[in-house]
Amino acid sequence: MQKLNEILGTEFPFIQGGMANIATAQFAAACSNAGALGVIASGGIFSAEDLRTQIRVCRSLTDKAFGVNLMLMNPSTDEMAKVIAEEHVPVVTTGAGNPGKYIAMWKEAGVKVFPVVAATVLAKRLERAGVDGLIAEGTESGGHVGEMTTMALVPQVIDAVDIPVVAAGGIADGRQLAAAFSLGACGAQIGTCLLVSDECPVHENYKQALIKAKDSDTVVTGRSIGGPVRILKNRMTREYLQLEKKGASLEELEKLTLGGLRRAVFDGDTETGSVMAGQVAGMLKEERPVRQIFEQLYADGIRELNAAALRWN
């Protein structure tokens, strides 16, 4: 099996998650320079030309491979997809839908395509469409989530396709990375553990909320409207879940969360803002440089694999 770092030309087999309003050009470049595949998030970018600017800024800050995460629910998706091709971005990851209609254009421009999937049915369809690999993301992850856990999803996607599969969701230390490799993944996409990196541009209040979080401090909102999102529990989530129980309308719920992520990320509002994070938030203990996070995660993962082999032989 080819390793993700061999496919992408990176030092480590890691993709930085495309976290909206957080994964800026600067943060993506920092992650690429530190040995992973840094990714610019299109979520929170309002126009295709703004995305083009971010791509060019990232390219000016790193000579390493980087990517763009395209959220397919963005109103400017068609134009953004063209910009990704025109700028010959090395890698594109996608979320919240099927990128099938853009794949031929991207492939012609030399872009490697790694869509995020939450079920095998989409995985099979995308393999037939010619993608380079898949990111199987379990419900443990932060932000928009599916229903299947990483432990159940990854091996089923791997069994369903003949292309590389990246594991995502619930990976923050060597034990979890070793588990992902044992399931057959070629690498991992990580996000939550990078939120407390020195280079991450989120407000210090956001970082401290994650460091203080316990194992059960995340909750999924939005299931009633078909848009489940995992975030840290706070005053806003309590109000949101109460409204959901009462059968509130989409408009009522959206009014409560409008601008919530930006308030958390930029203003440090961890009470009424949307502090998106995965279930591994309870494992985060300190702020560190991204390079240190990547080095320790990989070294610990390989050590855990070797230790498991010795224990069971």
C-alpha atoms as a PDB file:
ATOM      1  CA  MET A   1       0.000   0.000   0.000  1.00  0.00           C
ATOM      2  CA  GLN A   2       1.303   3.438  -0.922  1.00  0.00           C
ATOM      3  CA  LYS A   3       1.562   5.826   2.028  1.00  0.00           C
ATOM      4  CA  LEU A   4      -0.187   9.186   1.945  1.00  0.00           C
ATOM      5  CA  ASN A   5       3.080  11.099   2.213  1.00  0.00           C
ATOM      6  CA  GLU A   6       4.352   9.240  -0.880  1.00  0.00           C
ATOM      7  CA  ILE A   7       1.169  10.130  -2.782  1.00  0.00           C
ATOM      8  CA  LEU A   8       1.249  13.812  -1.789  1.00  0.00           C
ATOM      9  CA  GLY A   9       4.999  14.383  -1.582  1.00  0.00           C
ATOM     10  CA  THR A  10       4.875  15.403   2.084  1.00  0.00           C
ATOM     11  CA  GLU A  11       7.093  14.386   4.994  1.00  0.00           C
ATOM     12  CA  PHE A  12       4.278  13.053   7.172  1.00  0.00           C
ATOM     13  CA  PRO A  13       1.141  11.109   6.099  1.00  0.00           C
ATOM     14  CA  PHE A  14      -1.147  13.877   7.379  1.00  0.00           C
ATOM     15  CA  ILE A  15      -3.699  16.219   5.847  1.00  0.00           C
ATOM     16  CA  GLN A  16      -4.633  19.290   7.883  1.00  0.00           C
ATOM     17  CA  GLY A  17      -8.425  19.523   8.119  1.00  0.00           C
ATOM     18  CA  GLY A  18     -10.137  22.276   6.132  1.00  0.00           C
ATOM     19  CA  MET A  19     -11.676  24.129   9.077  1.00  0.00           C
ATOM     20  CA  ALA A  20     -13.856  27.082   8.006  1.00  0.00           C
ATOM     21  CA  ASN A  21     -12.652  30.528   9.112  1.00  0.00           C
ATOM     22  CA  ILE A  22      -9.600  28.871  10.690  1.00  0.00           C
ATOM     23  CA  ALA A  23      -7.632  27.215   7.889  1.00  0.00           C
ATOM     24  CA  THR A  24      -6.300  30.402   6.304  1.00  0.00           C
ATOM     25  CA  ALA A  25      -3.571  30.634   3.693  1.00  0.00           C
ATOM     26  CA  GLN A  26      -1.098  31.412   6.459  1.00  0.00           C
ATOM     27  CA  PHE A  27      -2.104  28.429   8.593  1.00  0.00           C
ATOM     28  CA  ALA A  28      -2.114  26.088   5.592  1.00  0.00           C
ATOM     29  CA  ALA A  29       1.391  27.256   4.656  1.00  0.00           C
ATOM     30  CA  ALA A  30       2.582  26.738   8.242  1.00  0.00           C
ATOM     31  CA  CYS A  31       1.252  23.153   8.209  1.00  0.00           C
ATOM     32  CA  SER A  32       2.838  22.443   4.824  1.00  0.00           C
ATOM     33  CA  ASN A  33       6.159  23.896   5.964  1.00  0.00           C
ATOM     34  CA  ALA A  34       5.939  21.669   9.053  1.00  0.00           C
ATOM     35  CA  GLY A  35       5.690  18.518   6.935  1.00  0.00           C
ATOM     36  CA  ALA A  36       1.974  17.815   6.411  1.00  0.00           C
ATOM     37  CA  LEU A  37      -0.410  18.855   3.639  1.00  0.00           C
ATOM     38  CA  GLY A  38      -1.735  22.261   4.645  1.00  0.00           C
ATOM     39  CA  VAL A  39      -5.234  23.022   3.402  1.00  0.00           C
ATOM     40  CA  ILE A  40      -6.996  26.354   2.803  1.00  0.00           C
ATOM     41  CA  ALA A  41     -10.671  26.214   3.817  1.00  0.00           C
ATOM     42  CA  SER A  42     -13.183  27.730   1.407  1.00  0.00           C
ATOM     43  CA  GLY A  43     -15.793  27.807   4.182  1.00  0.00           C
ATOM     44  CA  GLY A  44     -15.934  31.418   5.307  1.00  0.00           C
ATOM     45  CA  ILE A  45     -14.568  32.685   1.957  1.00  0.00           C
ATOM     46  CA  PHE A  46     -17.301  34.508   0.093  1.00  0.00           C
ATOM     47  CA  SER A  47     -16.039  34.757  -3.484  1.00  0.00           C
ATOM     48  CA  ALA A  48     -13.927  32.861  -5.980  1.00  0.00           C
ATOM     49  CA  GLU A  49     -11.517  35.779  -6.303  1.00  0.00           C
ATOM     50  CA  ASP A  50     -11.007  35.849  -2.540  1.00  0.00           C
ATOM     51  CA  LEU A  51     -10.120  32.155  -2.760  1.00  0.00           C
ATOM     52  CA  ARG A  52      -7.673  32.908  -5.582  1.00  0.00           C
ATOM     53  CA  THR A  53      -6.007  35.510  -3.371  1.00  0.00           C
ATOM     54  CA  GLN A  54      -5.707  32.988  -0.526  1.00  0.00           C
ATOM     55  CA  ILE A  55      -4.153  30.417  -2.874  1.00  0.00           C
ATOM     56  CA  ARG A  56      -1.567  32.910  -4.092  1.00  0.00           C
ATOM     57  CA  VAL A  57      -0.745  34.036  -0.547  1.00  0.00           C
ATOM     58  CA  CYS A  58      -0.235  30.410   0.484  1.00  0.00           C
ATOM     59  CA  ARG A  59       1.994  29.769  -2.519  1.00  0.00           C
ATOM     60  CA  SER A  60       4.111  32.797  -1.568  1.00  0.00           C
ATOM     61  CA  LEU A  61       4.631  31.379   1.936  1.00  0.00           C
ATOM     62  CA  THR A  62       5.569  27.791   1.102  1.00  0.00           C
ATOM     63  CA  ASP A  63       7.295  25.853  -1.640  1.00  0.00           C
ATOM     64  CA  LYS A  64       5.648  22.659  -0.406  1.00  0.00           C
ATOM     65  CA  ALA A  65       2.447  20.987  -1.591  1.00  0.00           C
ATOM     66  CA  PHE A  66      -0.808  22.414  -0.213  1.00  0.00           C
ATOM     67  CA  GLY A  67      -4.499  22.006  -0.868  1.00  0.00           C
ATOM     68  CA  VAL A  68      -7.911  23.656  -0.840  1.00  0.00           C
ATOM     69  CA  ASN A  69     -10.993  22.276   0.877  1.00  0.00           C
ATOM     70  CA  LEU A  70     -14.082  23.071  -1.189  1.00  0.00           C
ATOM     71  CA  MET A  71     -17.359  23.049   0.737  1.00  0.00           C
ATOM     72  CA  LEU A  72     -19.856  22.091  -1.944  1.00  0.00           C
ATOM     73  CA  MET A  73     -22.730  23.945  -0.255  1.00  0.00           C
ATOM     74  CA  ASN A  74     -20.978  27.277  -0.876  1.00  0.00           C
ATOM     75  CA  PRO A  75     -23.034  29.481  -3.276  1.00  0.00           C
ATOM     76  CA  SER A  76     -19.815  30.214  -5.209  1.00  0.00           C
ATOM     77  CA  THR A  77     -18.819  26.553  -5.590  1.00  0.00           C
ATOM     78  CA  ASP A  78     -18.826  26.508  -9.421  1.00  0.00           C
ATOM     79  CA  GLU A  79     -16.572  29.562  -9.640  1.00  0.00           C
ATOM     80  CA  MET A  80     -14.304  28.339  -6.839  1.00  0.00           C
ATOM     81  CA  ALA A  81     -13.898  24.948  -8.516  1.00  0.00           C
ATOM     82  CA  LYS A  82     -12.697  26.753 -11.663  1.00  0.00           C
ATOM     83  CA  VAL A  83     -10.220  28.841  -9.656  1.00  0.00           C
ATOM     84  CA  ILE A  84      -8.753  25.675  -8.118  1.00  0.00           C
ATOM     85  CA  ALA A  85      -8.157  24.328 -11.643  1.00  0.00           C
ATOM     86  CA  GLU A  86      -6.861  27.625 -13.028  1.00  0.00           C
ATOM     87  CA  GLU A  87      -4.395  27.998 -10.146  1.00  0.00           C
ATOM     88  CA  HIS A  88      -3.276  24.345 -10.479  1.00  0.00           C
ATOM     89  CA  VAL A  89      -3.669  23.744  -6.748  1.00  0.00           C
ATOM     90  CA  PRO A  90      -1.810  20.495  -5.963  1.00  0.00           C
ATOM     91  CA  VAL A  91      -4.657  18.868  -3.988  1.00  0.00           C
ATOM     92  CA  VAL A  92      -8.355  19.479  -3.406  1.00  0.00           C
ATOM     93  CA  THR A  93     -10.447  17.974  -0.633  1.00  0.00           C
ATOM     94  CA  THR A  94     -14.219  18.358  -0.664  1.00  0.00           C
ATOM     95  CA  GLY A  95     -17.058  18.174   1.823  1.00  0.00           C
ATOM     96  CA  ALA A  96     -20.844  18.366   2.062  1.00  0.00           C
ATOM     97  CA  GLY A  97     -21.735  16.734  -1.232  1.00  0.00           C
ATOM     98  CA  ASN A  98     -20.600  15.025  -4.427  1.00  0.00           C
ATOM     99  CA  PRO A  99     -17.879  16.847  -6.436  1.00  0.00           C
ATOM    100  CA  GLY A 100     -18.388  14.593  -9.472  1.00  0.00           C
ATOM    101  CA  LYS A 101     -19.029  17.339 -12.021  1.00  0.00           C
ATOM    102  CA  TYR A 102     -15.677  19.028 -11.258  1.00  0.00           C
ATOM    103  CA  ILE A 103     -13.403  15.984 -11.220  1.00  0.00           C
ATOM    104  CA  ALA A 104     -12.542  15.899 -14.943  1.00  0.00           C
ATOM    105  CA  MET A 105     -11.652  19.611 -14.915  1.00  0.00           C
ATOM    106  CA  TRP A 106      -9.456  19.207 -11.843  1.00  0.00           C
ATOM    107  CA  LYS A 107      -7.715  16.113 -13.158  1.00  0.00           C
ATOM    108  CA  GLU A 108      -6.958  17.864 -16.455  1.00  0.00           C
ATOM    109  CA  ALA A 109      -5.312  20.663 -14.432  1.00  0.00           C
ATOM    110  CA  GLY A 110      -3.153  18.147 -12.533  1.00  0.00           C
ATOM    111  CA  VAL A 111      -5.063  18.472  -9.248  1.00  0.00           C
ATOM    112  CA  LYS A 112      -5.217  15.420  -6.941  1.00  0.00           C
ATOM    113  CA  VAL A 113      -8.778  14.918  -5.658  1.00  0.00           C
ATOM    114  CA  PHE A 114      -9.555  13.572  -2.150  1.00  0.00           C
ATOM    115  CA  PRO A 115     -13.248  13.957  -1.251  1.00  0.00           C
ATOM    116  CA  VAL A 116     -14.507  13.451   2.297  1.00  0.00           C
ATOM    117  CA  VAL A 117     -17.075  10.648   2.590  1.00  0.00           C
ATOM    118  CA  ALA A 118     -19.232   9.453   5.477  1.00  0.00           C
ATOM    119  CA  ALA A 119     -20.607   6.277   3.849  1.00  0.00           C
ATOM    120  CA  THR A 120     -19.561   3.624   1.341  1.00  0.00           C
ATOM    121  CA  VAL A 121     -22.265   4.461  -1.230  1.00  0.00           C
ATOM    122  CA  LEU A 122     -20.635   7.812  -2.074  1.00  0.00           C
ATOM    123  CA  ALA A 123     -17.167   6.266  -1.846  1.00  0.00           C
ATOM    124  CA  LYS A 124     -17.976   3.775  -4.630  1.00  0.00           C
ATOM    125  CA  ARG A 125     -19.510   6.468  -6.824  1.00  0.00           C
ATOM    126  CA  LEU A 126     -16.492   8.736  -6.449  1.00  0.00           C
ATOM    127  CA  GLU A 127     -14.057   5.926  -7.196  1.00  0.00           C
ATOM    128  CA  ARG A 128     -15.873   5.378 -10.510  1.00  0.00           C
ATOM    129  CA  ALA A 129     -15.631   9.124 -11.161  1.00  0.00           C
ATOM    130  CA  GLY A 130     -11.829   8.922 -10.989  1.00  0.00           C
ATOM    131  CA  VAL A 131     -10.801  10.496  -7.680  1.00  0.00           C
ATOM    132  CA  ASP A 132      -7.276   9.844  -6.395  1.00  0.00           C
ATOM    133  CA  GLY A 133      -8.316   8.841  -2.901  1.00  0.00           C
ATOM    134  CA  LEU A 134     -10.954   9.267  -0.223  1.00  0.00           C
ATOM    135  CA  ILE A 135     -11.078  10.731   3.279  1.00  0.00           C
ATOM    136  CA  ALA A 136     -13.351   8.555   5.417  1.00  0.00           C
ATOM    137  CA  GLU A 137     -14.444  10.832   8.253  1.00  0.00           C
ATOM    138  CA  GLY A 138     -16.135   9.458  11.333  1.00  0.00           C
ATOM    139  CA  THR A 139     -18.669  11.208  13.543  1.00  0.00           C
ATOM    140  CA  GLU A 140     -16.010  11.836  16.224  1.00  0.00           C
ATOM    141  CA  SER A 141     -14.745  14.776  14.164  1.00  0.00           C
ATOM    142  CA  GLY A 142     -15.581  18.430  14.765  1.00  0.00           C
ATOM    143  CA  GLY A 143     -17.857  20.552  12.612  1.00  0.00           C
ATOM    144  CA  HIS A 144     -20.203  18.896  10.106  1.00  0.00           C
ATOM    145  CA  VAL A 145     -20.458  15.182  10.855  1.00  0.00           C
ATOM    146  CA  GLY A 146     -22.013  11.966   9.621  1.00  0.00           C
ATOM    147  CA  GLU A 147     -23.387   9.136  11.746  1.00  0.00           C
ATOM    148  CA  MET A 148     -20.784   6.345  11.471  1.00  0.00           C
ATOM    149  CA  THR A 149     -17.773   6.162  13.771  1.00  0.00           C
ATOM    150  CA  THR A 150     -14.257   6.157  12.365  1.00  0.00           C
ATOM    151  CA  MET A 151     -13.643   2.621  13.641  1.00  0.00           C
ATOM    152  CA  ALA A 152     -16.671   1.308  11.719  1.00  0.00           C
ATOM    153  CA  LEU A 153     -16.481   3.556   8.646  1.00  0.00           C
ATOM    154  CA  VAL A 154     -12.815   3.334   7.615  1.00  0.00           C
ATOM    155  CA  PRO A 155     -12.555  -0.463   7.124  1.00  0.00           C
ATOM    156  CA  GLN A 156     -15.875  -0.591   5.277  1.00  0.00           C
ATOM    157  CA  VAL A 157     -14.795   2.157   2.863  1.00  0.00           C
ATOM    158  CA  ILE A 158     -11.435   0.420   2.384  1.00  0.00           C
ATOM    159  CA  ASP A 159     -13.195  -2.854   1.575  1.00  0.00           C
ATOM    160  CA  ALA A 160     -15.533  -1.095  -0.868  1.00  0.00           C
ATOM    161  CA  VAL A 161     -12.893   0.619  -3.048  1.00  0.00           C
ATOM    162  CA  ASP A 162      -9.465   0.028  -4.594  1.00  0.00           C
ATOM    163  CA  ILE A 163      -8.032   3.516  -4.092  1.00  0.00           C
ATOM    164  CA  PRO A 164      -6.184   5.009  -1.079  1.00  0.00           C
ATOM    165  CA  VAL A 165      -8.306   5.860   1.969  1.00  0.00           C
ATOM    166  CA  VAL A 166      -7.359   8.459   4.581  1.00  0.00           C
ATOM    167  CA  ALA A 167      -8.835   8.118   8.078  1.00  0.00           C
ATOM    168  CA  ALA A 168     -10.339  11.179   9.784  1.00  0.00           C
ATOM    169  CA  GLY A 169     -12.191  11.840  13.002  1.00  0.00           C
ATOM    170  CA  GLY A 170     -10.903  11.151  16.500  1.00  0.00           C
ATOM    171  CA  ILE A 171      -7.168  11.105  15.756  1.00  0.00           C
ATOM    172  CA  ALA A 172      -5.028  13.124  18.156  1.00  0.00           C
ATOM    173  CA  ASP A 173      -2.367  10.772  19.521  1.00  0.00           C
ATOM    174  CA  GLY A 174      -0.199   7.830  18.509  1.00  0.00           C
ATOM    175  CA  ARG A 175      -2.643   5.172  19.680  1.00  0.00           C
ATOM    176  CA  GLN A 176      -5.368   6.529  17.444  1.00  0.00           C
ATOM    177  CA  LEU A 177      -3.006   6.940  14.499  1.00  0.00           C
ATOM    178  CA  ALA A 178      -1.806   3.349  14.946  1.00  0.00           C
ATOM    179  CA  ALA A 179      -5.432   2.221  14.968  1.00  0.00           C
ATOM    180  CA  ALA A 180      -6.059   4.095  11.709  1.00  0.00           C
ATOM    181  CA  PHE A 181      -3.038   2.416  10.090  1.00  0.00           C
ATOM    182  CA  SER A 182      -4.190  -0.960  11.425  1.00  0.00           C
ATOM    183  CA  LEU A 183      -7.595  -0.431   9.805  1.00  0.00           C
ATOM    184  CA  GLY A 184      -5.802  -0.022   6.468  1.00  0.00           C
ATOM    185  CA  ALA A 185      -5.720   3.760   6.112  1.00  0.00           C
ATOM    186  CA  CYS A 186      -2.796   5.243   4.158  1.00  0.00           C
ATOM    187  CA  GLY A 187      -2.704   8.314   6.397  1.00  0.00           C
ATOM    188  CA  ALA A 188      -4.817  10.601   8.540  1.00  0.00           C
ATOM    189  CA  GLN A 189      -6.620  13.910   8.302  1.00  0.00           C
ATOM    190  CA  ILE A 190      -6.370  15.813  11.587  1.00  0.00           C
ATOM    191  CA  GLY A 191      -8.028  19.006  12.734  1.00  0.00           C
ATOM    192  CA  THR A 192      -9.029  19.366  16.374  1.00  0.00           C
ATOM    193  CA  CYS A 193      -5.541  18.700  17.758  1.00  0.00           C
ATOM    194  CA  LEU A 194      -4.173  21.476  15.511  1.00  0.00           C
ATOM    195  CA  LEU A 195      -6.540  24.074  16.964  1.00  0.00           C
ATOM    196  CA  VAL A 196      -4.231  24.408  19.977  1.00  0.00           C
ATOM    197  CA  SER A 197      -1.094  24.840  17.886  1.00  0.00           C
ATOM    198  CA  ASP A 198       0.922  28.035  18.198  1.00  0.00           C
ATOM    199  CA  GLU A 199       0.293  28.843  14.543  1.00  0.00           C
ATOM    200  CA  CYS A 200      -3.477  28.336  14.584  1.00  0.00           C
ATOM    201  CA  PRO A 201      -5.197  31.736  14.206  1.00  0.00           C
ATOM    202  CA  VAL A 202      -8.154  31.075  16.544  1.00  0.00           C
ATOM    203  CA  HIS A 203      -8.670  33.336  19.560  1.00  0.00           C
ATOM    204  CA  GLU A 204      -6.830  32.355  22.747  1.00  0.00           C
ATOM    205  CA  ASN A 205     -10.200  31.840  24.480  1.00  0.00           C
ATOM    206  CA  TYR A 206     -11.028  29.167  21.880  1.00  0.00           C
ATOM    207  CA  LYS A 207      -7.725  27.381  22.555  1.00  0.00           C
ATOM    208  CA  GLN A 208      -8.196  27.528  26.315  1.00  0.00           C
ATOM    209  CA  ALA A 209     -11.748  26.179  26.039  1.00  0.00           C
ATOM    210  CA  LEU A 210     -10.351  23.149  24.207  1.00  0.00           C
ATOM    211  CA  ILE A 211      -7.512  22.630  26.695  1.00  0.00           C
ATOM    212  CA  LYS A 212     -10.019  22.733  29.575  1.00  0.00           C
ATOM    213  CA  ALA A 213     -12.517  20.425  27.827  1.00  0.00           C
ATOM    214  CA  LYS A 214     -13.331  16.999  29.239  1.00  0.00           C
ATOM    215  CA  ASP A 215     -14.074  13.813  27.309  1.00  0.00           C
ATOM    216  CA  SER A 216     -17.845  14.390  27.149  1.00  0.00           C
ATOM    217  CA  ASP A 217     -17.802  18.138  26.497  1.00  0.00           C
ATOM    218  CA  THR A 218     -18.845  18.050  22.833  1.00  0.00           C
ATOM    219  CA  VAL A 219     -22.383  17.732  21.517  1.00  0.00           C
ATOM    220  CA  VAL A 220     -24.006  17.431  18.084  1.00  0.00           C
ATOM    221  CA  THR A 221     -26.539  20.103  17.150  1.00  0.00           C
ATOM    222  CA  GLY A 222     -28.677  20.351  14.023  1.00  0.00           C
ATOM    223  CA  ARG A 223     -29.744  16.723  13.612  1.00  0.00           C
ATOM    224  CA  SER A 224     -33.404  17.761  13.394  1.00  0.00           C
ATOM    225  CA  ILE A 225     -32.713  19.872  10.304  1.00  0.00           C
ATOM    226  CA  GLY A 226     -30.351  17.445   8.587  1.00  0.00           C
ATOM    227  CA  GLY A 227     -27.222  19.474   9.330  1.00  0.00           C
ATOM    228  CA  PRO A 228     -25.465  17.855  12.297  1.00  0.00           C
ATOM    229  CA  VAL A 229     -22.510  19.820  13.674  1.00  0.00           C
ATOM    230  CA  ARG A 230     -20.232  18.800  16.571  1.00  0.00           C
ATOM    231  CA  ILE A 231     -19.207  21.646  18.886  1.00  0.00           C
ATOM    232  CA  LEU A 232     -18.219  22.255  22.504  1.00  0.00           C
ATOM    233  CA  LYS A 233     -21.118  22.524  24.954  1.00  0.00           C
ATOM    234  CA  ASN A 234     -21.936  26.092  26.010  1.00  0.00           C
ATOM    235  CA  ARG A 235     -24.892  28.390  26.561  1.00  0.00           C
ATOM    236  CA  MET A 236     -25.685  28.522  22.855  1.00  0.00           C
ATOM    237  CA  THR A 237     -25.774  24.717  22.468  1.00  0.00           C
ATOM    238  CA  ARG A 238     -28.101  24.370  25.467  1.00  0.00           C
ATOM    239  CA  GLU A 239     -30.530  26.875  23.947  1.00  0.00           C
ATOM    240  CA  TYR A 240     -30.200  25.249  20.518  1.00  0.00           C
ATOM    241  CA  LEU A 241     -30.942  21.735  21.779  1.00  0.00           C
ATOM    242  CA  GLN A 242     -33.950  22.989  23.728  1.00  0.00           C
ATOM    243  CA  LEU A 243     -35.308  24.639  20.596  1.00  0.00           C
ATOM    244  CA  GLU A 244     -34.732  21.422  18.626  1.00  0.00           C
ATOM    245  CA  LYS A 245     -36.742  19.453  21.206  1.00  0.00           C
ATOM    246  CA  LYS A 246     -39.593  21.929  20.813  1.00  0.00           C
ATOM    247  CA  GLY A 247     -39.563  21.432  17.024  1.00  0.00           C
ATOM    248  CA  ALA A 248     -38.203  24.866  16.157  1.00  0.00           C
ATOM    249  CA  SER A 249     -38.055  25.886  12.514  1.00  0.00           C
ATOM    250  CA  LEU A 250     -34.887  26.109  10.429  1.00  0.00           C
ATOM    251  CA  GLU A 251     -35.137  29.905  10.545  1.00  0.00           C
ATOM    252  CA  GLU A 252     -35.320  29.977  14.356  1.00  0.00           C
ATOM    253  CA  LEU A 253     -32.316  27.679  14.688  1.00  0.00           C
ATOM    254  CA  GLU A 254     -30.229  29.521  12.119  1.00  0.00           C
ATOM    255  CA  LYS A 255     -30.939  32.828  13.856  1.00  0.00           C
ATOM    256  CA  LEU A 256     -29.399  31.426  17.039  1.00  0.00           C
ATOM    257  CA  THR A 257     -26.191  30.277  15.313  1.00  0.00           C
ATOM    258  CA  LEU A 258     -25.784  33.084  12.762  1.00  0.00           C
ATOM    259  CA  GLY A 259     -22.154  34.225  12.822  1.00  0.00           C
ATOM    260  CA  GLY A 260     -21.435  31.900  15.744  1.00  0.00           C
ATOM    261  CA  LEU A 261     -18.246  30.368  14.365  1.00  0.00           C
ATOM    262  CA  ARG A 262     -16.761  33.745  13.495  1.00  0.00           C
ATOM    263  CA  ARG A 263     -17.582  35.055  16.992  1.00  0.00           C
ATOM    264  CA  ALA A 264     -15.779  32.105  18.561  1.00  0.00           C
ATOM    265  CA  VAL A 265     -12.782  32.185  16.219  1.00  0.00           C
ATOM    266  CA  PHE A 266     -12.181  35.934  16.019  1.00  0.00           C
ATOM    267  CA  ASP A 267     -13.805  37.418  19.129  1.00  0.00           C
ATOM    268  CA  GLY A 268     -13.184  34.560  21.554  1.00  0.00           C
ATOM    269  CA  ASP A 269     -16.888  34.243  22.407  1.00  0.00           C
ATOM    270  CA  THR A 270     -16.972  30.715  23.813  1.00  0.00           C
ATOM    271  CA  GLU A 271     -20.423  31.077  25.415  1.00  0.00           C
ATOM    272  CA  THR A 272     -22.680  32.112  22.525  1.00  0.00           C
ATOM    273  CA  GLY A 273     -20.257  31.263  19.697  1.00  0.00           C
ATOM    274  CA  SER A 274     -19.847  27.949  17.862  1.00  0.00           C
ATOM    275  CA  VAL A 275     -16.678  26.362  19.248  1.00  0.00           C
ATOM    276  CA  MET A 276     -16.355  23.557  16.700  1.00  0.00           C
ATOM    277  CA  ALA A 277     -14.261  20.638  17.931  1.00  0.00           C
ATOM    278  CA  GLY A 278     -14.080  16.863  17.786  1.00  0.00           C
ATOM    279  CA  GLN A 279     -14.407  14.364  20.621  1.00  0.00           C
ATOM    280  CA  VAL A 280     -10.626  14.332  21.105  1.00  0.00           C
ATOM    281  CA  ALA A 281     -10.853  17.829  22.621  1.00  0.00           C
ATOM    282  CA  GLY A 282     -10.600  16.186  26.048  1.00  0.00           C
ATOM    283  CA  MET A 283      -7.113  14.927  25.125  1.00  0.00           C
ATOM    284  CA  LEU A 284      -5.626  18.362  24.423  1.00  0.00           C
ATOM    285  CA  LYS A 285      -3.387  19.613  27.233  1.00  0.00           C
ATOM    286  CA  GLU A 286      -1.147  22.388  25.901  1.00  0.00           C
ATOM    287  CA  GLU A 287      -0.286  24.718  23.040  1.00  0.00           C
ATOM    288  CA  ARG A 288       2.606  23.554  20.846  1.00  0.00           C
ATOM    289  CA  PRO A 289       4.100  24.304  17.407  1.00  0.00           C
ATOM    290  CA  VAL A 290       2.484  22.332  14.560  1.00  0.00           C
ATOM    291  CA  ARG A 291       5.834  20.729  13.720  1.00  0.00           C
ATOM    292  CA  GLN A 292       6.021  19.293  17.223  1.00  0.00           C
ATOM    293  CA  ILE A 293       2.450  17.976  16.978  1.00  0.00           C
ATOM    294  CA  PHE A 294       3.197  16.204  13.678  1.00  0.00           C
ATOM    295  CA  GLU A 295       6.501  14.757  14.882  1.00  0.00           C
ATOM    296  CA  GLN A 296       5.104  13.362  18.106  1.00  0.00           C
ATOM    297  CA  LEU A 297       1.913  12.031  16.513  1.00  0.00           C
ATOM    298  CA  TYR A 298       3.844  10.128  13.863  1.00  0.00           C
ATOM    299  CA  ALA A 299       6.611   8.860  16.148  1.00  0.00           C
ATOM    300  CA  ASP A 300       4.091   7.709  18.759  1.00  0.00           C
ATOM    301  CA  GLY A 301       1.950   6.069  16.097  1.00  0.00           C
ATOM    302  CA  ILE A 302       4.826   3.993  14.751  1.00  0.00           C
ATOM    303  CA  ARG A 303       5.924   3.090  18.285  1.00  0.00           C
ATOM    304  CA  GLU A 304       2.392   1.945  19.165  1.00  0.00           C
ATOM    305  CA  LEU A 305       2.227  -0.212  16.026  1.00  0.00           C
ATOM    306  CA  ASN A 306       5.529  -1.885  16.900  1.00  0.00           C
ATOM    307  CA  ALA A 307       4.535  -2.344  20.543  1.00  0.00           C
ATOM    308  CA  ALA A 308       1.233  -3.943  19.535  1.00  0.00           C
ATOM    309  CA  ALA A 309       3.059  -6.371  17.256  1.00  0.00           C
ATOM    310  CA  LEU A 310       5.337  -7.407  20.126  1.00  0.00           C
ATOM    311  CA  ARG A 311       2.445  -7.761  22.576  1.00  0.00           C
ATOM    312  CA  TRP A 312       0.466 -10.103  20.324  1.00  0.00           C
ATOM    313  CA  ASN A 313       3.286 -12.229  18.919  1.00  0.00           C
END
